[in-house]
Amino acid sequence: MVHPGKWYDPITERWIAPREPRLATPSRAIENHVLELERTIEVQRIWRALVDCCARN
C-alpha cells in the first residue's frame, strides 16, 4: 500500500497531510463477525428448505 506524504494545495496555499487510516475497533470487528455468522446460518437454512422442497417432488 502506498502512503503519500504531504502535498501542496495551491488554492488554500497550505500543505496537506494525509489522514491516519482508521482501524476497525475490536467491538466493531466482533459485530461484523456475528452479522456474517447470522447470514451464513440463514443461507444454510434457506438452502436446506429448498433442497427438502425439491426432494419431495
C-alpha atoms as a PDB file:
ATOM      1  CA  MET A   1       0.000   0.000   0.000  1.00  0.00           C
ATOM      2  CA  VAL A   2       1.344   3.440  -0.880  1.00  0.00           C
ATOM      3  CA  HIS A   3       1.295   6.134   1.791  1.00  0.00           C
ATOM      4  CA  PRO A   4       1.673   9.523   0.130  1.00  0.00           C
ATOM      5  CA  GLY A   5       3.398  12.260   2.094  1.00  0.00           C
ATOM      6  CA  LYS A   6       2.303  15.868   2.375  1.00  0.00           C
ATOM      7  CA  TRP A   7       1.206  17.714  -0.745  1.00  0.00           C
ATOM      8  CA  TYR A   8       0.711  21.375  -1.508  1.00  0.00           C
ATOM      9  CA  ASP A   9      -2.789  22.734  -2.192  1.00  0.00           C
ATOM     10  CA  PRO A  10      -2.392  25.878  -4.320  1.00  0.00           C
ATOM     11  CA  ILE A  11      -5.980  27.002  -3.695  1.00  0.00           C
ATOM     12  CA  THR A  12      -5.678  27.197   0.099  1.00  0.00           C
ATOM     13  CA  GLU A  13      -1.913  27.733  -0.122  1.00  0.00           C
ATOM     14  CA  ARG A  14      -1.315  25.105   2.534  1.00  0.00           C
ATOM     15  CA  TRP A  15       0.489  21.823   2.853  1.00  0.00           C
ATOM     16  CA  ILE A  16      -1.931  18.943   3.327  1.00  0.00           C
ATOM     17  CA  ALA A  17      -1.029  15.833   5.306  1.00  0.00           C
ATOM     18  CA  PRO A  18      -2.944  12.595   4.698  1.00  0.00           C
ATOM     19  CA  ARG A  19      -5.248  11.411   7.460  1.00  0.00           C
ATOM     20  CA  GLU A  20      -4.251   8.443   9.545  1.00  0.00           C
ATOM     21  CA  PRO A  21      -6.190   5.332   8.483  1.00  0.00           C
ATOM     22  CA  ARG A  22      -8.819   4.250  10.980  1.00  0.00           C
ATOM     23  CA  LEU A  23      -8.689   0.667  12.146  1.00  0.00           C
ATOM     24  CA  ALA A  24     -11.853  -1.204  12.994  1.00  0.00           C
ATOM     25  CA  THR A  25     -12.329  -1.380  16.724  1.00  0.00           C
ATOM     26  CA  PRO A  26     -12.462  -4.878  18.166  1.00  0.00           C
ATOM     27  CA  SER A  27     -16.129  -4.457  19.106  1.00  0.00           C
ATOM     28  CA  ARG A  28     -16.948  -3.480  15.516  1.00  0.00           C
ATOM     29  CA  ALA A  29     -14.985  -6.453  14.187  1.00  0.00           C
ATOM     30  CA  ILE A  30     -16.868  -8.788  16.527  1.00  0.00           C
ATOM     31  CA  GLU A  31     -20.175  -7.224  15.478  1.00  0.00           C
ATOM     32  CA  ASN A  32     -19.302  -7.781  11.807  1.00  0.00           C
ATOM     33  CA  HIS A  33     -18.330 -11.383  12.552  1.00  0.00           C
ATOM     34  CA  VAL A  34     -21.645 -12.006  14.316  1.00  0.00           C
ATOM     35  CA  LEU A  35     -23.603 -10.498  11.404  1.00  0.00           C
ATOM     36  CA  GLU A  36     -21.681 -12.650   8.921  1.00  0.00           C
ATOM     37  CA  LEU A  37     -22.322 -15.753  11.019  1.00  0.00           C
ATOM     38  CA  GLU A  38     -26.054 -14.948  11.169  1.00  0.00           C
ATOM     39  CA  ARG A  39     -26.130 -14.540   7.370  1.00  0.00           C
ATOM     40  CA  THR A  40     -24.347 -17.856   6.900  1.00  0.00           C
ATOM     41  CA  ILE A  41     -26.820 -19.630   9.166  1.00  0.00           C
ATOM     42  CA  GLU A  42     -29.759 -18.048   7.325  1.00  0.00           C
ATOM     43  CA  VAL A  43     -28.359 -19.044   3.927  1.00  0.00           C
ATOM     44  CA  GLN A  44     -27.869 -22.618   5.139  1.00  0.00           C
ATOM     45  CA  ARG A  45     -31.440 -22.715   6.484  1.00  0.00           C
ATOM     46  CA  ILE A  46     -32.861 -21.470   3.172  1.00  0.00           C
ATOM     47  CA  TRP A  47     -30.697 -23.919   1.202  1.00  0.00           C
ATOM     48  CA  ARG A  48     -31.870 -26.879   3.306  1.00  0.00           C
ATOM     49  CA  ALA A  49     -35.505 -25.810   2.900  1.00  0.00           C
ATOM     50  CA  LEU A  50     -35.041 -25.562  -0.865  1.00  0.00           C
ATOM     51  CA  VAL A  51     -33.368 -28.966  -1.076  1.00  0.00           C
ATOM     52  CA  ASP A  52     -36.100 -30.544   1.079  1.00  0.00           C
ATOM     53  CA  CYS A  53     -38.794 -28.954  -1.087  1.00  0.00           C
ATOM     54  CA  CYS A  54     -37.233 -30.211  -4.318  1.00  0.00           C
ATOM     55  CA  ALA A  55     -36.633 -33.696  -2.868  1.00  0.00           C
ATOM     56  CA  ARG A  56     -40.354 -34.120  -2.200  1.00  0.00           C
ATOM     57  CA  ASN A  57     -41.268 -33.798  -5.883  1.00  0.00           C
END
